[in-house]
């Protein structure tokens, strides 16, 4: 019972700061974590070949969605 109470308590405590952070990220505003995450994000973009300022078409979005689902499915199959 204590583990359920602890899980709900941590969820409620983290909901406000996480929501505030996500709202700033989606609005394009600067956050405190940008200095940590931006270099990692830029490195991943270079490795994968993504241009951050370029938009994505519907077909590109659909193929990325299908490929990510395929990779997660293969990973889950390997775990099981």
Protein backbone atom coordinates (compact mmCIF):
# COMPACT_ATOMS: atom_id res chain seq x y z
CA UNK A 1 0.00 0.00 0.00
CA UNK A 2 2.86 2.35 0.81
CA UNK A 3 4.30 1.90 -2.69
CA UNK A 4 1.03 3.02 -4.27
CA UNK A 5 0.85 6.11 -2.05
CA UNK A 6 4.49 6.93 -2.81
CA UNK A 7 3.93 6.52 -6.57
CA UNK A 8 0.89 8.81 -6.55
CA UNK A 9 2.66 11.32 -4.33
CA UNK A 10 5.70 11.52 -6.61
CA UNK A 11 3.45 11.79 -9.65
CA UNK A 12 1.55 14.72 -8.16
CA UNK A 13 4.78 16.43 -7.06
CA UNK A 14 6.38 16.11 -10.50
CA UNK A 15 3.28 17.04 -12.54
CA UNK A 16 3.57 20.82 -12.10
CA UNK A 17 7.29 21.30 -12.89
CA UNK A 18 7.17 18.80 -15.74
CA UNK A 19 4.12 20.47 -17.28
CA UNK A 20 5.70 23.90 -16.91
CA UNK A 21 8.89 22.68 -18.59
CA UNK A 22 6.96 21.04 -21.46
CA UNK A 23 4.90 24.19 -22.01
CA UNK A 24 8.10 26.24 -22.36
CA UNK A 25 9.68 23.71 -24.72
CA UNK A 26 6.63 23.56 -27.00
CA UNK A 27 6.36 27.36 -27.00
CA UNK A 28 9.99 27.60 -28.12
CA UNK A 29 11.13 29.45 -25.00
CA UNK A 30 14.49 28.98 -23.29
CA UNK A 31 14.66 26.62 -20.33
CA UNK A 32 17.30 25.88 -17.71
CA UNK A 33 17.95 22.44 -19.20
CA UNK A 34 18.79 23.78 -22.69
CA UNK A 35 22.50 24.02 -21.84
CA UNK A 36 22.49 20.30 -21.03
CA UNK A 37 20.13 18.91 -23.68
CA UNK A 38 20.97 21.10 -26.72
CA UNK A 39 24.45 19.61 -27.36
CA UNK A 40 23.04 16.08 -27.09
CA UNK A 41 20.15 16.96 -29.39
CA UNK A 42 22.45 18.58 -31.96
CA UNK A 43 24.76 15.56 -31.93
CA UNK A 44 21.85 13.21 -32.52
CA UNK A 45 20.55 15.41 -35.32
CA UNK A 46 23.95 15.33 -37.03
CA UNK A 47 24.23 11.56 -36.67
CA UNK A 48 20.75 10.92 -38.04
CA UNK A 49 20.89 13.65 -40.69
CA UNK A 50 17.98 15.78 -39.49
CA UNK A 51 17.77 19.48 -40.33
CA UNK A 52 16.05 21.05 -37.30
CA UNK A 53 14.67 24.09 -39.11
CA UNK A 54 13.17 22.08 -41.96
CA UNK A 55 9.55 20.94 -41.68
CA UNK A 56 8.33 17.40 -42.19
CA UNK A 57 5.78 16.35 -44.80
CA UNK A 58 2.91 14.03 -43.98
CA UNK A 59 4.60 11.13 -45.76
CA UNK A 60 7.86 11.71 -43.89
CA UNK A 61 5.95 11.83 -40.61
CA UNK A 62 4.05 8.63 -41.45
CA UNK A 63 7.22 6.75 -42.39
CA UNK A 64 9.00 7.94 -39.22
CA UNK A 65 6.03 6.82 -37.14
CA UNK A 66 5.95 3.39 -38.78
CA UNK A 67 9.71 2.90 -38.45
CA UNK A 68 9.71 3.87 -34.77
CA UNK A 69 6.84 1.47 -34.10
CA UNK A 70 8.70 -1.27 -35.96
CA UNK A 71 11.86 -0.68 -33.92
CA UNK A 72 9.94 -0.70 -30.64
CA UNK A 73 8.15 -3.88 -31.71
CA UNK A 74 11.42 -5.63 -32.58
CA UNK A 75 12.96 -4.48 -29.30
CA UNK A 76 9.96 -5.76 -27.32
CA UNK A 77 10.11 -9.08 -29.20
CA UNK A 78 13.80 -9.45 -28.35
CA UNK A 79 13.09 -8.76 -24.68
CA UNK A 80 10.35 -11.39 -24.56
